[in-house]
Amino acid sequence: MPFWVSVILALVGMMYFNIFLEAVVLFFIADLLYGVEKARFFGVFFLSFILSVILLVLVEILKKKLKFYP
């Protein structure tokens, strides 16, 4: 499946499930298979993995602050 579909499904999973680590694993494997160094991001190799970890932490903090989330 295209990468953008994986990103959308991972975001939905992060919002729906508690601590959705499968998304982090998905982006780690994607970086291992298809990741290359990006000069514009200071040579970071695991860019989508790092961003997914940051996003997971932010979504978990946001879910705790929302009133309608159980």
PDB file of N, CA and C in Angstrom:
ATOM      1  N   MET A   1       0.843  -1.163   0.000  1.00  0.00           N
ATOM      2  CA  MET A   1       0.000   0.000   0.000  1.00  0.00           C
ATOM      3  C   MET A   1       0.899   1.240   0.000  1.00  0.00           C
ATOM      4  N   PRO A   2       0.428   2.339  -0.524  1.00  0.00           N
ATOM      5  CA  PRO A   2       1.239   3.561  -0.535  1.00  0.00           C
ATOM      6  C   PRO A   2       1.529   4.064   0.876  1.00  0.00           C
ATOM      7  N   PHE A   3       2.588   4.823   0.987  1.00  0.00           N
ATOM      8  CA  PHE A   3       3.020   5.309   2.296  1.00  0.00           C
ATOM      9  C   PHE A   3       1.975   6.218   2.938  1.00  0.00           C
ATOM     10  N   TRP A   4       1.308   7.033   2.138  1.00  0.00           N
ATOM     11  CA  TRP A   4       0.326   7.967   2.701  1.00  0.00           C
ATOM     12  C   TRP A   4      -0.870   7.229   3.296  1.00  0.00           C
ATOM     13  N   VAL A   5      -1.212   6.060   2.760  1.00  0.00           N
ATOM     14  CA  VAL A   5      -2.299   5.267   3.347  1.00  0.00           C
ATOM     15  C   VAL A   5      -1.860   4.724   4.708  1.00  0.00           C
ATOM     16  N   SER A   6      -0.611   4.313   4.805  1.00  0.00           N
ATOM     17  CA  SER A   6      -0.079   3.839   6.084  1.00  0.00           C
ATOM     18  C   SER A   6      -0.083   4.948   7.130  1.00  0.00           C
ATOM     19  N   VAL A   7       0.240   6.152   6.702  1.00  0.00           N
ATOM     20  CA  VAL A   7       0.252   7.286   7.632  1.00  0.00           C
ATOM     21  C   VAL A   7      -1.156   7.574   8.143  1.00  0.00           C
ATOM     22  N   ILE A   8      -2.130   7.574   7.257  1.00  0.00           N
ATOM     23  CA  ILE A   8      -3.518   7.835   7.660  1.00  0.00           C
ATOM     24  C   ILE A   8      -4.014   6.751   8.617  1.00  0.00           C
ATOM     25  N   LEU A   9      -3.762   5.493   8.294  1.00  0.00           N
ATOM     26  CA  LEU A   9      -4.195   4.400   9.166  1.00  0.00           C
ATOM     27  C   LEU A   9      -3.488   4.434  10.520  1.00  0.00           C
ATOM     28  N   ALA A  10      -2.221   4.808  10.525  1.00  0.00           N
ATOM     29  CA  ALA A  10      -1.491   4.914  11.788  1.00  0.00           C
ATOM     30  C   ALA A  10      -2.052   6.041  12.645  1.00  0.00           C
ATOM     31  N   LEU A  11      -2.378   7.176  12.040  1.00  0.00           N
ATOM     32  CA  LEU A  11      -2.968   8.283  12.796  1.00  0.00           C
ATOM     33  C   LEU A  11      -4.322   7.910  13.384  1.00  0.00           C
ATOM     34  N   VAL A  12      -5.133   7.233  12.596  1.00  0.00           N
ATOM     35  CA  VAL A  12      -6.440   6.795  13.094  1.00  0.00           C
ATOM     36  C   VAL A  12      -6.256   5.803  14.231  1.00  0.00           C
ATOM     37  N   GLY A  13      -5.328   4.880  14.086  1.00  0.00           N
ATOM     38  CA  GLY A  13      -5.055   3.910  15.145  1.00  0.00           C
ATOM     39  C   GLY A  13      -4.540   4.566  16.414  1.00  0.00           C
ATOM     40  N   MET A  14      -3.675   5.587  16.266  1.00  0.00           N
ATOM     41  CA  MET A  14      -3.162   6.303  17.440  1.00  0.00           C
ATOM     42  C   MET A  14      -4.274   7.023  18.183  1.00  0.00           C
ATOM     43  N   MET A  15      -5.244   7.535  17.436  1.00  0.00           N
ATOM     44  CA  MET A  15      -6.337   8.255  18.084  1.00  0.00           C
ATOM     45  C   MET A  15      -7.366   7.316  18.696  1.00  0.00           C
ATOM     46  N   TYR A  16      -7.541   6.137  18.118  1.00  0.00           N
ATOM     47  CA  TYR A  16      -8.599   5.231  18.569  1.00  0.00           C
ATOM     48  C   TYR A  16      -8.154   4.319  19.710  1.00  0.00           C
ATOM     49  N   PHE A  17      -6.946   3.748  19.601  1.00  0.00           N
ATOM     50  CA  PHE A  17      -6.471   2.775  20.587  1.00  0.00           C
ATOM     51  C   PHE A  17      -5.571   3.441  21.623  1.00  0.00           C
ATOM     52  N   ASN A  18      -5.480   2.801  22.786  1.00  0.00           N
ATOM     53  CA  ASN A  18      -4.548   3.257  23.812  1.00  0.00           C
ATOM     54  C   ASN A  18      -3.149   2.786  23.460  1.00  0.00           C
ATOM     55  N   ILE A  19      -2.213   3.702  23.440  1.00  0.00           N
ATOM     56  CA  ILE A  19      -0.790   3.449  23.170  1.00  0.00           C
ATOM     57  C   ILE A  19      -0.624   2.477  21.993  1.00  0.00           C
ATOM     58  N   PHE A  20      -0.821   2.982  20.809  1.00  0.00           N
ATOM     59  CA  PHE A  20      -0.791   2.199  19.568  1.00  0.00           C
ATOM     60  C   PHE A  20       0.650   2.081  19.070  1.00  0.00           C
ATOM     61  N   LEU A  21       1.404   1.159  19.670  1.00  0.00           N
ATOM     62  CA  LEU A  21       2.818   0.995  19.323  1.00  0.00           C
ATOM     63  C   LEU A  21       3.032   0.350  17.954  1.00  0.00           C
ATOM     64  N   GLU A  22       1.994  -0.234  17.403  1.00  0.00           N
ATOM     65  CA  GLU A  22       2.121  -0.848  16.095  1.00  0.00           C
ATOM     66  C   GLU A  22       2.477   0.188  15.032  1.00  0.00           C
ATOM     67  N   ALA A  23       2.000   1.416  15.192  1.00  0.00           N
ATOM     68  CA  ALA A  23       2.325   2.476  14.245  1.00  0.00           C
ATOM     69  C   ALA A  23       3.816   2.807  14.309  1.00  0.00           C
ATOM     70  N   VAL A  24       4.364   2.847  15.502  1.00  0.00           N
ATOM     71  CA  VAL A  24       5.785   3.128  15.658  1.00  0.00           C
ATOM     72  C   VAL A  24       6.616   2.011  15.012  1.00  0.00           C
ATOM     73  N   VAL A  25       6.200   0.776  15.218  1.00  0.00           N
ATOM     74  CA  VAL A  25       6.896  -0.360  14.608  1.00  0.00           C
ATOM     75  C   VAL A  25       6.776  -0.300  13.081  1.00  0.00           C
ATOM     76  N   LEU A  26       5.606   0.068  12.580  1.00  0.00           N
ATOM     77  CA  LEU A  26       5.401   0.201  11.133  1.00  0.00           C
ATOM     78  C   LEU A  26       6.364   1.206  10.532  1.00  0.00           C
ATOM     79  N   PHE A  27       6.501   2.381  11.156  1.00  0.00           N
ATOM     80  CA  PHE A  27       7.397   3.404  10.619  1.00  0.00           C
ATOM     81  C   PHE A  27       8.861   3.037  10.800  1.00  0.00           C
ATOM     82  N   PHE A  28       9.185   2.295  11.852  1.00  0.00           N
ATOM     83  CA  PHE A  28      10.561   1.826  12.031  1.00  0.00           C
ATOM     84  C   PHE A  28      10.939   0.849  10.915  1.00  0.00           C
ATOM     85  N   ILE A  29      10.050  -0.084  10.609  1.00  0.00           N
ATOM     86  CA  ILE A  29      10.316  -1.041   9.534  1.00  0.00           C
ATOM     87  C   ILE A  29      10.370  -0.336   8.189  1.00  0.00           C
ATOM     88  N   ALA A  30       9.494   0.648   7.974  1.00  0.00           N
ATOM     89  CA  ALA A  30       9.522   1.412   6.722  1.00  0.00           C
ATOM     90  C   ALA A  30      10.840   2.166   6.582  1.00  0.00           C
ATOM     91  N   ASP A  31      11.346   2.723   7.674  1.00  0.00           N
ATOM     92  CA  ASP A  31      12.636   3.407   7.618  1.00  0.00           C
ATOM     93  C   ASP A  31      13.780   2.432   7.369  1.00  0.00           C
ATOM     94  N   LEU A  32      13.703   1.254   7.947  1.00  0.00           N
ATOM     95  CA  LEU A  32      14.749   0.262   7.693  1.00  0.00           C
ATOM     96  C   LEU A  32      14.760  -0.186   6.233  1.00  0.00           C
ATOM     97  N   LEU A  33      13.579  -0.338   5.652  1.00  0.00           N
ATOM     98  CA  LEU A  33      13.501  -0.814   4.274  1.00  0.00           C
ATOM     99  C   LEU A  33      13.735   0.280   3.246  1.00  0.00           C
ATOM    100  N   TYR A  34      13.142   1.447   3.444  1.00  0.00           N
ATOM    101  CA  TYR A  34      13.126   2.468   2.404  1.00  0.00           C
ATOM    102  C   TYR A  34      13.771   3.782   2.811  1.00  0.00           C
ATOM    103  N   GLY A  35      14.211   3.907   4.041  1.00  0.00           N
ATOM    104  CA  GLY A  35      14.741   5.181   4.513  1.00  0.00           C
ATOM    105  C   GLY A  35      16.118   5.490   3.958  1.00  0.00           C
ATOM    106  N   VAL A  36      16.338   6.745   3.661  1.00  0.00           N
ATOM    107  CA  VAL A  36      17.644   7.235   3.230  1.00  0.00           C
ATOM    108  C   VAL A  36      17.964   8.488   4.043  1.00  0.00           C
ATOM    109  N   GLU A  37      19.242   8.818   4.099  1.00  0.00           N
ATOM    110  CA  GLU A  37      19.631  10.031   4.807  1.00  0.00           C
ATOM    111  C   GLU A  37      19.114  11.242   4.065  1.00  0.00           C
ATOM    112  N   LYS A  38      18.592  12.188   4.809  1.00  0.00           N
ATOM    113  CA  LYS A  38      18.104  13.428   4.223  1.00  0.00           C
ATOM    114  C   LYS A  38      19.046  14.553   4.649  1.00  0.00           C
ATOM    115  N   ALA A  39      19.638  15.220   3.699  1.00  0.00           N
ATOM    116  CA  ALA A  39      20.553  16.311   4.016  1.00  0.00           C
ATOM    117  C   ALA A  39      19.802  17.483   4.645  1.00  0.00           C
ATOM    118  N   ARG A  40      18.554  17.680   4.239  1.00  0.00           N
ATOM    119  CA  ARG A  40      17.813  18.827   4.764  1.00  0.00           C
ATOM    120  C   ARG A  40      17.343  18.609   6.200  1.00  0.00           C
ATOM    121  N   PHE A  41      17.403  17.375   6.695  1.00  0.00           N
ATOM    122  CA  PHE A  41      17.052  17.082   8.084  1.00  0.00           C
ATOM    123  C   PHE A  41      18.278  16.669   8.881  1.00  0.00           C
ATOM    124  N   PHE A  42      19.413  17.267   8.567  1.00  0.00           N
ATOM    125  CA  PHE A  42      20.670  17.077   9.281  1.00  0.00           C
ATOM    126  C   PHE A  42      21.152  15.627   9.267  1.00  0.00           C
ATOM    127  N   GLY A  43      20.881  14.897   8.209  1.00  0.00           N
ATOM    128  CA  GLY A  43      21.370  13.536   8.066  1.00  0.00           C
ATOM    129  C   GLY A  43      20.669  12.516   8.933  1.00  0.00           C
ATOM    130  N   VAL A  44      19.459  12.800   9.378  1.00  0.00           N
ATOM    131  CA  VAL A  44      18.708  11.863  10.219  1.00  0.00           C
ATOM    132  C   VAL A  44      18.216  10.718   9.341  1.00  0.00           C
ATOM    133  N   PHE A  45      18.490   9.500   9.758  1.00  0.00           N
ATOM    134  CA  PHE A  45      18.105   8.328   8.969  1.00  0.00           C
ATOM    135  C   PHE A  45      16.692   7.853   9.306  1.00  0.00           C
ATOM    136  N   PHE A  46      16.345   7.807  10.573  1.00  0.00           N
ATOM    137  CA  PHE A  46      15.042   7.291  11.015  1.00  0.00           C
ATOM    138  C   PHE A  46      14.060   8.435  11.233  1.00  0.00           C
ATOM    139  N   LEU A  47      13.810   9.221  10.221  1.00  0.00           N
ATOM    140  CA  LEU A  47      12.993  10.425  10.363  1.00  0.00           C
ATOM    141  C   LEU A  47      11.535  10.097  10.661  1.00  0.00           C
ATOM    142  N   SER A  48      10.912   9.208   9.890  1.00  0.00           N
ATOM    143  CA  SER A  48       9.505   8.899  10.137  1.00  0.00           C
ATOM    144  C   SER A  48       9.323   8.145  11.457  1.00  0.00           C
ATOM    145  N   PHE A  49      10.292   7.363  11.859  1.00  0.00           N
ATOM    146  CA  PHE A  49      10.233   6.678  13.160  1.00  0.00           C
ATOM    147  C   PHE A  49      10.254   7.693  14.301  1.00  0.00           C
ATOM    148  N   ILE A  50      11.161   8.651  14.234  1.00  0.00           N
ATOM    149  CA  ILE A  50      11.264   9.665  15.278  1.00  0.00           C
ATOM    150  C   ILE A  50      10.001  10.509  15.321  1.00  0.00           C
ATOM    151  N   LEU A  51       9.493  10.897  14.167  1.00  0.00           N
ATOM    152  CA  LEU A  51       8.266  11.692  14.121  1.00  0.00           C
ATOM    153  C   LEU A  51       7.070  10.904  14.646  1.00  0.00           C
ATOM    154  N   SER A  52       7.018   9.606  14.388  1.00  0.00           N
ATOM    155  CA  SER A  52       5.899   8.808  14.882  1.00  0.00           C
ATOM    156  C   SER A  52       5.948   8.654  16.400  1.00  0.00           C
ATOM    157  N   VAL A  53       7.131   8.548  16.970  1.00  0.00           N
ATOM    158  CA  VAL A  53       7.250   8.478  18.434  1.00  0.00           C
ATOM    159  C   VAL A  53       6.794   9.790  19.059  1.00  0.00           C
ATOM    160  N   ILE A  54       7.235  10.912  18.480  1.00  0.00           N
ATOM    161  CA  ILE A  54       6.822  12.220  18.990  1.00  0.00           C
ATOM    162  C   ILE A  54       5.313  12.389  18.860  1.00  0.00           C
ATOM    163  N   LEU A  55       4.767  11.995  17.711  1.00  0.00           N
ATOM    164  CA  LEU A  55       3.326  12.121  17.491  1.00  0.00           C
ATOM    165  C   LEU A  55       2.532  11.229  18.442  1.00  0.00           C
ATOM    166  N   LEU A  56       3.015  10.026  18.706  1.00  0.00           N
ATOM    167  CA  LEU A  56       2.332   9.134  19.636  1.00  0.00           C
ATOM    168  C   LEU A  56       2.279   9.734  21.038  1.00  0.00           C
ATOM    169  N   VAL A  57       3.371  10.312  21.475  1.00  0.00           N
ATOM    170  CA  VAL A  57       3.399  10.941  22.797  1.00  0.00           C
ATOM    171  C   VAL A  57       2.441  12.128  22.845  1.00  0.00           C
ATOM    172  N   LEU A  58       2.440  12.958  21.802  1.00  0.00           N
ATOM    173  CA  LEU A  58       1.542  14.115  21.766  1.00  0.00           C
ATOM    174  C   LEU A  58       0.072  13.705  21.732  1.00  0.00           C
ATOM    175  N   VAL A  59      -0.239  12.666  20.957  1.00  0.00           N
ATOM    176  CA  VAL A  59      -1.630  12.204  20.881  1.00  0.00           C
ATOM    177  C   VAL A  59      -2.076  11.632  22.218  1.00  0.00           C
ATOM    178  N   GLU A  60      -1.213  10.896  22.893  1.00  0.00           N
ATOM    179  CA  GLU A  60      -1.569  10.345  24.207  1.00  0.00           C
ATOM    180  C   GLU A  60      -1.794  11.451  25.235  1.00  0.00           C
ATOM    181  N   ILE A  61      -0.974  12.495  25.206  1.00  0.00           N
ATOM    182  CA  ILE A  61      -1.172  13.629  26.114  1.00  0.00           C
ATOM    183  C   ILE A  61      -2.478  14.338  25.782  1.00  0.00           C
ATOM    184  N   LEU A  62      -2.748  14.528  24.503  1.00  0.00           N
ATOM    185  CA  LEU A  62      -3.973  15.205  24.076  1.00  0.00           C
ATOM    186  C   LEU A  62      -5.220  14.401  24.448  1.00  0.00           C
ATOM    187  N   LYS A  63      -5.142  13.085  24.315  1.00  0.00           N
ATOM    188  CA  LYS A  63      -6.293  12.242  24.664  1.00  0.00           C
ATOM    189  C   LYS A  63      -6.628  12.343  26.151  1.00  0.00           C
ATOM    190  N   LYS A  64      -5.625  12.500  26.999  1.00  0.00           N
ATOM    191  CA  LYS A  64      -5.879  12.625  28.437  1.00  0.00           C
ATOM    192  C   LYS A  64      -6.545  13.955  28.773  1.00  0.00           C
ATOM    193  N   LYS A  65      -6.315  14.975  27.959  1.00  0.00           N
ATOM    194  CA  LYS A  65      -6.874  16.294  28.232  1.00  0.00           C
ATOM    195  C   LYS A  65      -8.263  16.486  27.644  1.00  0.00           C
ATOM    196  N   LEU A  66      -8.673  15.631  26.723  1.00  0.00           N
ATOM    197  CA  LEU A  66      -9.991  15.758  26.116  1.00  0.00           C
ATOM    198  C   LEU A  66     -11.067  15.205  27.047  1.00  0.00           C
ATOM    199  N   LYS A  67     -12.198  15.867  27.106  1.00  0.00           N
ATOM    200  CA  LYS A  67     -13.258  15.419  27.987  1.00  0.00           C
ATOM    201  C   LYS A  67     -14.022  14.235  27.443  1.00  0.00           C
ATOM    202  N   PHE A  68     -14.199  14.168  26.126  1.00  0.00           N
ATOM    203  CA  PHE A  68     -15.047  13.118  25.567  1.00  0.00           C
ATOM    204  C   PHE A  68     -14.315  11.818  25.334  1.00  0.00           C
ATOM    205  N   TYR A  69     -13.007  11.778  25.552  1.00  0.00           N
ATOM    206  CA  TYR A  69     -12.265  10.529  25.396  1.00  0.00           C
ATOM    207  C   TYR A  69     -12.270   9.774  26.714  1.00  0.00           C
ATOM    208  N   PRO A  70     -12.643   8.474  26.707  1.00  0.00           N
ATOM    209  CA  PRO A  70     -12.729   7.733  27.988  1.00  0.00           C
ATOM    210  C   PRO A  70     -11.397   7.466  28.632  1.00  0.00           C
TER     211      PRO A  70
END
